Amino acid sequence: MVESLSSDLGLSMQKEYTSDLIHNELISSYGFQIDKHFSSELKYEILKKYTKIADDLLDAGCANGLFTFAISNACCNVQGIDINQNFINLATQKKKDFKVQNVIFSFGDLEDIPFSSFIFDLVYSYSVLVLLENISKAISECVRVTKKDGIVILDITGKYNLSQRFWKKYYVSKGHFSFNALSWDEVKNVCAINNLKIIESHALGFLDQWKYLPLISRVASKLNFIDKIFHFSKNSDLDYKVSNLKIFKPFANRWYIVCQKI
């Protein structure tokens, strides 16, 4: 059984995070539809592929619990942690609404995960690492709480992509410290340092860079057909296919990386 969060985190919960200012504005727009976007479906399919019915999972940066709830029927238990208390409150309420018994939501900082080492069979972190000041520390923490030979799934933003320049400027304008992006070589290096063997990886967003070209935003509404071409269907996503070509993969917007702790 996954251990519950210790009660000595009361002081930590009082800490203010600049990311809260951003996420509190977006909470109402978060939904619980896995099939809403190709990227969401892909993340779920990757997670489901490596989850076993007897596994204890950690959703590291669970937000409203979208993937926590989605994967809960495929494993033994899922613990979801997040630094945004409003998200935790929402997820806890949804747990009651959905009548799900094997999920627990609690406050937790990924740079100092409040669990003992070697607790979880699988740890996954989606859409979070990019916003942390110390991404290396967060990845090390995810690895620490994972059992030997366990699975760690990471969502990492690519450095050499036009989109990261746009979003970095956006987050800084909102008062956030910055925006964490890595090169593909840096990804491989941080995995090696943390004794993670990369099993598979999935790239997205190489073709979507057109959205971030200078002055495009002024005419973006007239260019929706381009997006439809690159994302024709969920079963035939052109951006996904091109982004995973060896020549273009280092320039993807993000990578979903499946690793085994060795």
C-alpha atoms as a PDB file:
ATOM      1  CA  MET A   1       0.000   0.000   0.000  1.00  0.00           C
ATOM      2  CA  VAL A   2       1.365   3.447  -0.872  1.00  0.00           C
ATOM      3  CA  GLU A   3       2.387   5.364   2.238  1.00  0.00           C
ATOM      4  CA  SER A   4       0.394   8.489   3.053  1.00  0.00           C
ATOM      5  CA  LEU A   5       1.917  11.963   3.118  1.00  0.00           C
ATOM      6  CA  SER A   6       3.518  12.869   6.426  1.00  0.00           C
ATOM      7  CA  SER A   7       1.860  15.581   8.487  1.00  0.00           C
ATOM      8  CA  ASP A   8       5.000  17.681   8.857  1.00  0.00           C
ATOM      9  CA  LEU A   9       4.409  19.343   5.488  1.00  0.00           C
ATOM     10  CA  GLY A  10       2.159  22.033   6.930  1.00  0.00           C
ATOM     11  CA  LEU A  11       4.840  24.699   6.666  1.00  0.00           C
ATOM     12  CA  SER A  12       5.719  23.670   3.108  1.00  0.00           C
ATOM     13  CA  MET A  13       2.124  24.109   2.086  1.00  0.00           C
ATOM     14  CA  GLN A  14       2.351  27.762   3.049  1.00  0.00           C
ATOM     15  CA  LYS A  15       5.110  28.408   0.510  1.00  0.00           C
ATOM     16  CA  GLU A  16       4.070  30.537  -2.436  1.00  0.00           C
ATOM     17  CA  TYR A  17       4.858  29.384  -5.938  1.00  0.00           C
ATOM     18  CA  THR A  18       4.791  31.696  -8.941  1.00  0.00           C
ATOM     19  CA  SER A  19       3.387  28.831 -11.006  1.00  0.00           C
ATOM     20  CA  ASP A  20       0.257  28.982  -8.830  1.00  0.00           C
ATOM     21  CA  LEU A  21      -0.547  32.415 -10.226  1.00  0.00           C
ATOM     22  CA  ILE A  22      -0.550  30.918 -13.717  1.00  0.00           C
ATOM     23  CA  HIS A  23      -2.340  27.664 -12.960  1.00  0.00           C
ATOM     24  CA  ASN A  24      -5.041  29.231 -10.833  1.00  0.00           C
ATOM     25  CA  GLU A  25      -6.147  31.105 -13.948  1.00  0.00           C
ATOM     26  CA  LEU A  26      -6.300  27.872 -15.944  1.00  0.00           C
ATOM     27  CA  ILE A  27      -7.880  25.426 -13.493  1.00  0.00           C
ATOM     28  CA  SER A  28     -11.388  25.920 -14.865  1.00  0.00           C
ATOM     29  CA  SER A  29     -10.200  25.055 -18.383  1.00  0.00           C
ATOM     30  CA  TYR A  30      -8.698  21.713 -17.345  1.00  0.00           C
ATOM     31  CA  GLY A  31     -10.924  18.793 -18.142  1.00  0.00           C
ATOM     32  CA  PHE A  32     -10.941  15.020 -17.707  1.00  0.00           C
ATOM     33  CA  GLN A  33     -10.962  13.957 -21.362  1.00  0.00           C
ATOM     34  CA  ILE A  34      -8.009  11.765 -22.303  1.00  0.00           C
ATOM     35  CA  ASP A  35      -9.062  11.694 -25.949  1.00  0.00           C
ATOM     36  CA  LYS A  36      -9.338  15.464 -26.367  1.00  0.00           C
ATOM     37  CA  HIS A  37      -5.873  15.826 -27.925  1.00  0.00           C
ATOM     38  CA  PHE A  38      -3.456  13.479 -29.660  1.00  0.00           C
ATOM     39  CA  SER A  39      -0.776  14.310 -27.074  1.00  0.00           C
ATOM     40  CA  SER A  40      -3.087  13.314 -24.200  1.00  0.00           C
ATOM     41  CA  GLU A  41      -3.981  10.030 -25.858  1.00  0.00           C
ATOM     42  CA  LEU A  42      -0.317   9.340 -26.501  1.00  0.00           C
ATOM     43  CA  LYS A  43       0.632   9.999 -22.875  1.00  0.00           C
ATOM     44  CA  TYR A  44      -2.136   7.705 -21.685  1.00  0.00           C
ATOM     45  CA  GLU A  45      -1.193   4.899 -24.087  1.00  0.00           C
ATOM     46  CA  ILE A  46       2.444   5.081 -22.980  1.00  0.00           C
ATOM     47  CA  LEU A  47       1.415   4.998 -19.328  1.00  0.00           C
ATOM     48  CA  LYS A  48      -0.991   2.115 -19.832  1.00  0.00           C
ATOM     49  CA  LYS A  49       1.624   0.088 -21.718  1.00  0.00           C
ATOM     50  CA  TYR A  50       3.966   0.016 -18.718  1.00  0.00           C
ATOM     51  CA  THR A  51       1.427  -0.254 -15.894  1.00  0.00           C
ATOM     52  CA  LYS A  52       0.732  -3.605 -14.239  1.00  0.00           C
ATOM     53  CA  ILE A  53      -2.300  -4.424 -12.130  1.00  0.00           C
ATOM     54  CA  ALA A  54      -0.229  -4.919  -8.943  1.00  0.00           C
ATOM     55  CA  ASP A  55       1.754  -1.683  -9.344  1.00  0.00           C
ATOM     56  CA  ASP A  56       1.895   1.337  -7.063  1.00  0.00           C
ATOM     57  CA  LEU A  57       2.198   4.520  -9.142  1.00  0.00           C
ATOM     58  CA  LEU A  58       3.199   8.118  -8.460  1.00  0.00           C
ATOM     59  CA  ASP A  59       1.692  10.894 -10.571  1.00  0.00           C
ATOM     60  CA  ALA A  60       4.393  13.515  -9.991  1.00  0.00           C
ATOM     61  CA  GLY A  61       2.622  16.784 -10.706  1.00  0.00           C
ATOM     62  CA  CYS A  62      -0.913  15.460 -10.977  1.00  0.00           C
ATOM     63  CA  ALA A  63      -2.781  18.781 -11.488  1.00  0.00           C
ATOM     64  CA  ASN A  64      -6.514  17.941 -11.451  1.00  0.00           C
ATOM     65  CA  GLY A  65      -5.853  14.187 -11.536  1.00  0.00           C
ATOM     66  CA  LEU A  66      -6.577  13.658 -15.237  1.00  0.00           C
ATOM     67  CA  PHE A  67      -4.077  10.807 -15.673  1.00  0.00           C
ATOM     68  CA  THR A  68      -4.368   9.663 -12.052  1.00  0.00           C
ATOM     69  CA  PHE A  69      -8.006   8.760 -12.578  1.00  0.00           C
ATOM     70  CA  ALA A  70      -7.437   7.449 -16.099  1.00  0.00           C
ATOM     71  CA  ILE A  71      -4.848   4.877 -15.040  1.00  0.00           C
ATOM     72  CA  SER A  72      -6.398   3.968 -11.669  1.00  0.00           C
ATOM     73  CA  ASN A  73      -8.306   0.953 -13.026  1.00  0.00           C
ATOM     74  CA  ALA A  74      -5.101  -0.568 -14.429  1.00  0.00           C
ATOM     75  CA  CYS A  75      -3.020  -0.629 -11.224  1.00  0.00           C
ATOM     76  CA  CYS A  76      -3.178  -1.230  -7.478  1.00  0.00           C
ATOM     77  CA  ASN A  77      -2.808   2.348  -6.217  1.00  0.00           C
ATOM     78  CA  VAL A  78      -1.940   5.807  -7.528  1.00  0.00           C
ATOM     79  CA  GLN A  79      -0.598   8.648  -5.417  1.00  0.00           C
ATOM     80  CA  GLY A  80      -0.942  12.082  -6.991  1.00  0.00           C
ATOM     81  CA  ILE A  81       1.098  15.035  -5.721  1.00  0.00           C
ATOM     82  CA  ASP A  82       1.142  18.666  -6.794  1.00  0.00           C
ATOM     83  CA  ILE A  83       2.323  22.012  -5.409  1.00  0.00           C
ATOM     84  CA  ASN A  84      -0.937  23.735  -6.326  1.00  0.00           C
ATOM     85  CA  GLN A  85      -3.356  23.251  -3.457  1.00  0.00           C
ATOM     86  CA  ASN A  86      -6.353  24.289  -5.551  1.00  0.00           C
ATOM     87  CA  PHE A  87      -5.600  21.450  -7.961  1.00  0.00           C
ATOM     88  CA  ILE A  88      -5.306  19.038  -5.035  1.00  0.00           C
ATOM     89  CA  ASN A  89      -8.650  20.208  -3.667  1.00  0.00           C
ATOM     90  CA  LEU A  90     -10.296  19.783  -7.071  1.00  0.00           C
ATOM     91  CA  ALA A  91      -8.813  16.313  -7.576  1.00  0.00           C
ATOM     92  CA  THR A  92      -9.898  15.238  -4.090  1.00  0.00           C
ATOM     93  CA  GLN A  93     -13.450  16.366  -4.785  1.00  0.00           C
ATOM     94  CA  LYS A  94     -13.464  14.548  -8.132  1.00  0.00           C
ATOM     95  CA  LYS A  95     -12.283  11.406  -6.347  1.00  0.00           C
ATOM     96  CA  LYS A  96     -15.518  11.541  -4.352  1.00  0.00           C
ATOM     97  CA  ASP A  97     -17.586  12.314  -7.440  1.00  0.00           C
ATOM     98  CA  PHE A  98     -16.019   9.490  -9.451  1.00  0.00           C
ATOM     99  CA  LYS A  99     -16.096   7.127  -6.444  1.00  0.00           C
ATOM    100  CA  VAL A 100     -12.533   5.983  -7.050  1.00  0.00           C
ATOM    101  CA  GLN A 101     -11.007   4.199  -4.064  1.00  0.00           C
ATOM    102  CA  ASN A 102      -7.372   3.552  -5.007  1.00  0.00           C
ATOM    103  CA  VAL A 103      -6.117   7.124  -5.517  1.00  0.00           C
ATOM    104  CA  ILE A 104      -4.683   9.543  -2.965  1.00  0.00           C
ATOM    105  CA  PHE A 105      -4.024  13.230  -3.594  1.00  0.00           C
ATOM    106  CA  SER A 106      -1.712  15.352  -1.453  1.00  0.00           C
ATOM    107  CA  PHE A 107       0.610  18.319  -1.534  1.00  0.00           C
ATOM    108  CA  GLY A 108       4.117  17.549  -2.777  1.00  0.00           C
ATOM    109  CA  ASP A 109       7.077  19.344  -4.320  1.00  0.00           C
ATOM    110  CA  LEU A 110       8.876  17.420  -7.080  1.00  0.00           C
ATOM    111  CA  GLU A 111      12.210  18.888  -6.033  1.00  0.00           C
ATOM    112  CA  ASP A 112      11.698  17.307  -2.594  1.00  0.00           C
ATOM    113  CA  ILE A 113       9.246  14.426  -3.016  1.00  0.00           C
ATOM    114  CA  PRO A 114       7.771  13.535   0.411  1.00  0.00           C
ATOM    115  CA  PHE A 115       8.212   9.757   0.194  1.00  0.00           C
ATOM    116  CA  SER A 116      10.866   7.258   1.160  1.00  0.00           C
ATOM    117  CA  SER A 117      13.127   5.749  -1.476  1.00  0.00           C
ATOM    118  CA  PHE A 118      12.164   2.690  -3.546  1.00  0.00           C
ATOM    119  CA  ILE A 119       8.398   3.030  -2.984  1.00  0.00           C
ATOM    120  CA  PHE A 120       6.830   3.068  -6.451  1.00  0.00           C
ATOM    121  CA  ASP A 121       6.837   0.609  -9.338  1.00  0.00           C
ATOM    122  CA  LEU A 122       6.226   3.417 -11.821  1.00  0.00           C
ATOM    123  CA  VAL A 123       6.634   7.200 -11.569  1.00  0.00           C
ATOM    124  CA  TYR A 124       5.423   9.544 -14.291  1.00  0.00           C
ATOM    125  CA  SER A 125       5.586  13.321 -14.618  1.00  0.00           C
ATOM    126  CA  TYR A 126       3.628  15.041 -17.389  1.00  0.00           C
ATOM    127  CA  SER A 127       3.714  18.784 -18.226  1.00  0.00           C
ATOM    128  CA  VAL A 128       5.572  19.718 -15.047  1.00  0.00           C
ATOM    129  CA  LEU A 129       9.369  19.531 -15.365  1.00  0.00           C
ATOM    130  CA  VAL A 130       9.461  22.488 -17.736  1.00  0.00           C
ATOM    131  CA  LEU A 131       8.254  24.788 -14.927  1.00  0.00           C
ATOM    132  CA  LEU A 132      10.683  23.700 -12.202  1.00  0.00           C
ATOM    133  CA  GLU A 133      13.749  25.687 -11.263  1.00  0.00           C
ATOM    134  CA  ASN A 134      15.889  22.584 -10.753  1.00  0.00           C
ATOM    135  CA  ILE A 135      14.841  20.012 -13.326  1.00  0.00           C
ATOM    136  CA  SER A 136      17.825  17.768 -12.547  1.00  0.00           C
ATOM    137  CA  LYS A 137      16.871  17.621  -8.862  1.00  0.00           C
ATOM    138  CA  ALA A 138      13.268  16.804  -9.742  1.00  0.00           C
ATOM    139  CA  ILE A 139      14.293  13.959 -12.044  1.00  0.00           C
ATOM    140  CA  SER A 140      16.664  12.629  -9.365  1.00  0.00           C
ATOM    141  CA  GLU A 141      13.801  12.709  -6.868  1.00  0.00           C
ATOM    142  CA  CYS A 142      11.527  10.801  -9.258  1.00  0.00           C
ATOM    143  CA  VAL A 143      14.243   8.185  -9.634  1.00  0.00           C
ATOM    144  CA  ARG A 144      14.899   8.006  -5.885  1.00  0.00           C
ATOM    145  CA  VAL A 145      11.332   7.015  -5.027  1.00  0.00           C
ATOM    146  CA  THR A 146      11.199   4.423  -7.831  1.00  0.00           C
ATOM    147  CA  LYS A 147      11.991   0.781  -7.124  1.00  0.00           C
ATOM    148  CA  LYS A 148      15.001  -0.852  -8.772  1.00  0.00           C
ATOM    149  CA  ASP A 149      14.063  -1.934 -12.305  1.00  0.00           C
ATOM    150  CA  GLY A 150      10.993   0.294 -12.028  1.00  0.00           C
ATOM    151  CA  ILE A 151       9.744   2.620 -14.749  1.00  0.00           C
ATOM    152  CA  VAL A 152      10.126   6.411 -14.905  1.00  0.00           C
ATOM    153  CA  ILE A 153       8.219   8.334 -17.585  1.00  0.00           C
ATOM    154  CA  LEU A 154       9.342  11.917 -18.194  1.00  0.00           C
ATOM    155  CA  ASP A 155       7.890  14.761 -20.250  1.00  0.00           C
ATOM    156  CA  ILE A 156      10.751  17.075 -21.274  1.00  0.00           C
ATOM    157  CA  THR A 157      10.628  20.207 -23.414  1.00  0.00           C
ATOM    158  CA  GLY A 158      13.117  20.580 -26.260  1.00  0.00           C
ATOM    159  CA  LYS A 159      15.568  23.485 -26.259  1.00  0.00           C
ATOM    160  CA  TYR A 160      15.972  23.902 -30.014  1.00  0.00           C
ATOM    161  CA  ASN A 161      12.375  24.636 -30.968  1.00  0.00           C
ATOM    162  CA  LEU A 162      10.707  27.974 -31.679  1.00  0.00           C
ATOM    163  CA  SER A 163       7.843  27.230 -29.300  1.00  0.00           C
ATOM    164  CA  GLN A 164      10.069  27.176 -26.209  1.00  0.00           C
ATOM    165  CA  ARG A 165      11.190  30.754 -26.909  1.00  0.00           C
ATOM    166  CA  PHE A 166       7.573  31.898 -27.030  1.00  0.00           C
ATOM    167  CA  TRP A 167       6.551  30.080 -23.824  1.00  0.00           C
ATOM    168  CA  LYS A 168       9.651  31.136 -21.943  1.00  0.00           C
ATOM    169  CA  LYS A 169       8.768  34.757 -22.657  1.00  0.00           C
ATOM    170  CA  TYR A 170       5.167  34.073 -21.621  1.00  0.00           C
ATOM    171  CA  TYR A 171       6.033  32.553 -18.245  1.00  0.00           C
ATOM    172  CA  VAL A 172       8.575  35.237 -17.433  1.00  0.00           C
ATOM    173  CA  SER A 173       5.941  37.883 -18.223  1.00  0.00           C
ATOM    174  CA  LYS A 174       3.664  36.160 -15.691  1.00  0.00           C
ATOM    175  CA  GLY A 175       6.301  36.445 -12.976  1.00  0.00           C
ATOM    176  CA  HIS A 176       7.591  32.882 -13.183  1.00  0.00           C
ATOM    177  CA  PHE A 177      11.358  32.365 -12.867  1.00  0.00           C
ATOM    178  CA  SER A 178      11.830  31.105 -16.425  1.00  0.00           C
ATOM    179  CA  PHE A 179      11.248  27.974 -18.439  1.00  0.00           C
ATOM    180  CA  ASN A 180      13.273  24.741 -18.431  1.00  0.00           C
ATOM    181  CA  ALA A 181      14.171  23.182 -21.762  1.00  0.00           C
ATOM    182  CA  LEU A 182      16.889  20.655 -22.583  1.00  0.00           C
ATOM    183  CA  SER A 183      18.660  19.495 -25.708  1.00  0.00           C
ATOM    184  CA  TRP A 184      18.331  15.849 -26.723  1.00  0.00           C
ATOM    185  CA  ASP A 185      21.964  15.276 -25.708  1.00  0.00           C
ATOM    186  CA  GLU A 186      21.242  16.820 -22.297  1.00  0.00           C
ATOM    187  CA  VAL A 187      18.246  14.519 -21.905  1.00  0.00           C
ATOM    188  CA  LYS A 188      20.415  11.465 -22.561  1.00  0.00           C
ATOM    189  CA  ASN A 189      23.044  12.777 -20.173  1.00  0.00           C
ATOM    190  CA  VAL A 190      20.645  13.444 -17.284  1.00  0.00           C
ATOM    191  CA  CYS A 191      19.176   9.970 -17.741  1.00  0.00           C
ATOM    192  CA  ALA A 192      22.630   8.380 -17.654  1.00  0.00           C
ATOM    193  CA  ILE A 193      23.609  10.324 -14.517  1.00  0.00           C
ATOM    194  CA  ASN A 194      20.469   9.066 -12.770  1.00  0.00           C
ATOM    195  CA  ASN A 195      20.989   5.444 -13.831  1.00  0.00           C
ATOM    196  CA  LEU A 196      18.045   5.526 -16.194  1.00  0.00           C
ATOM    197  CA  LYS A 197      18.046   3.369 -19.286  1.00  0.00           C
ATOM    198  CA  ILE A 198      15.941   4.908 -22.052  1.00  0.00           C
ATOM    199  CA  ILE A 199      13.546   2.231 -23.319  1.00  0.00           C
ATOM    200  CA  GLU A 200      11.614   4.338 -25.793  1.00  0.00           C
ATOM    201  CA  SER A 201      10.899   7.969 -26.601  1.00  0.00           C
ATOM    202  CA  HIS A 202       8.201   9.860 -28.475  1.00  0.00           C
ATOM    203  CA  ALA A 203       8.701  13.309 -30.014  1.00  0.00           C
ATOM    204  CA  LEU A 204       6.072  15.932 -30.806  1.00  0.00           C
ATOM    205  CA  GLY A 205       5.915  19.462 -32.160  1.00  0.00           C
ATOM    206  CA  PHE A 206       8.544  19.783 -34.869  1.00  0.00           C
ATOM    207  CA  LEU A 207       6.002  20.800 -37.511  1.00  0.00           C
ATOM    208  CA  ASP A 208       4.029  22.969 -35.105  1.00  0.00           C
ATOM    209  CA  GLN A 209       6.832  25.535 -35.071  1.00  0.00           C
ATOM    210  CA  TRP A 210       5.067  27.438 -37.857  1.00  0.00           C
ATOM    211  CA  LYS A 211       2.736  28.846 -35.174  1.00  0.00           C
ATOM    212  CA  TYR A 212       5.651  30.675 -33.563  1.00  0.00           C
ATOM    213  CA  LEU A 213       7.150  32.315 -36.628  1.00  0.00           C
ATOM    214  CA  PRO A 214       7.349  36.136 -36.463  1.00  0.00           C
ATOM    215  CA  LEU A 215       4.034  37.902 -37.215  1.00  0.00           C
ATOM    216  CA  ILE A 216       2.147  34.607 -37.664  1.00  0.00           C
ATOM    217  CA  SER A 217      -0.104  35.342 -34.699  1.00  0.00           C
ATOM    218  CA  ARG A 218      -1.691  38.195 -36.671  1.00  0.00           C
ATOM    219  CA  VAL A 219      -3.015  35.819 -39.324  1.00  0.00           C
ATOM    220  CA  ALA A 220      -3.182  32.548 -37.359  1.00  0.00           C
ATOM    221  CA  SER A 221      -6.979  32.346 -37.574  1.00  0.00           C
ATOM    222  CA  LYS A 222      -6.721  32.189 -41.364  1.00  0.00           C
ATOM    223  CA  LEU A 223      -4.183  29.375 -41.268  1.00  0.00           C
ATOM    224  CA  ASN A 224      -6.091  26.724 -39.345  1.00  0.00           C
ATOM    225  CA  PHE A 225      -5.930  24.488 -42.396  1.00  0.00           C
ATOM    226  CA  ILE A 226      -2.198  24.038 -41.777  1.00  0.00           C
ATOM    227  CA  ASP A 227      -2.865  22.626 -38.333  1.00  0.00           C
ATOM    228  CA  LYS A 228      -5.467  20.270 -39.797  1.00  0.00           C
ATOM    229  CA  ILE A 229      -2.930  18.994 -42.317  1.00  0.00           C
ATOM    230  CA  PHE A 230      -0.298  18.300 -39.669  1.00  0.00           C
ATOM    231  CA  HIS A 231      -2.866  16.744 -37.327  1.00  0.00           C
ATOM    232  CA  PHE A 232      -5.185  15.141 -39.851  1.00  0.00           C
ATOM    233  CA  SER A 233      -6.395  12.424 -37.508  1.00  0.00           C
ATOM    234  CA  LYS A 234      -5.450  10.815 -34.223  1.00  0.00           C
ATOM    235  CA  ASN A 235      -4.508   7.655 -36.080  1.00  0.00           C
ATOM    236  CA  SER A 236      -2.394   9.485 -38.633  1.00  0.00           C
ATOM    237  CA  ASP A 237      -0.691  12.468 -37.007  1.00  0.00           C
ATOM    238  CA  LEU A 238       1.820  13.893 -39.486  1.00  0.00           C
ATOM    239  CA  ASP A 239       3.610  15.984 -36.877  1.00  0.00           C
ATOM    240  CA  TYR A 240       4.198  12.902 -34.725  1.00  0.00           C
ATOM    241  CA  LYS A 241       5.616  10.953 -37.669  1.00  0.00           C
ATOM    242  CA  VAL A 242       7.938  13.750 -38.788  1.00  0.00           C
ATOM    243  CA  SER A 243       9.010  14.695 -35.254  1.00  0.00           C
ATOM    244  CA  ASN A 244      10.236  11.138 -34.652  1.00  0.00           C
ATOM    245  CA  LEU A 245      12.437  11.002 -37.723  1.00  0.00           C
ATOM    246  CA  LYS A 246      16.066  10.818 -36.613  1.00  0.00           C
ATOM    247  CA  ILE A 247      17.014  14.049 -38.391  1.00  0.00           C
ATOM    248  CA  PHE A 248      14.205  16.101 -36.796  1.00  0.00           C
ATOM    249  CA  LYS A 249      13.872  14.500 -33.347  1.00  0.00           C
ATOM    250  CA  PRO A 250      16.479  16.796 -31.676  1.00  0.00           C
ATOM    251  CA  PHE A 251      14.351  19.773 -32.743  1.00  0.00           C
ATOM    252  CA  ALA A 252      11.038  18.535 -31.348  1.00  0.00           C
ATOM    253  CA  ASN A 253       8.974  20.632 -28.965  1.00  0.00           C
ATOM    254  CA  ARG A 254       8.873  17.852 -26.380  1.00  0.00           C
ATOM    255  CA  TRP A 255       9.746  14.219 -25.763  1.00  0.00           C
ATOM    256  CA  TYR A 256       7.873  11.632 -23.722  1.00  0.00           C
ATOM    257  CA  ILE A 257      10.664   9.390 -22.461  1.00  0.00           C
ATOM    258  CA  VAL A 258      10.214   5.953 -20.918  1.00  0.00           C
ATOM    259  CA  CYS A 259      13.131   4.834 -18.739  1.00  0.00           C
ATOM    260  CA  GLN A 260      13.999   1.898 -16.529  1.00  0.00           C
ATOM    261  CA  LYS A 261      15.867   2.448 -13.275  1.00  0.00           C
ATOM    262  CA  ILE A 262      18.997   0.283 -13.335  1.00  0.00           C
END
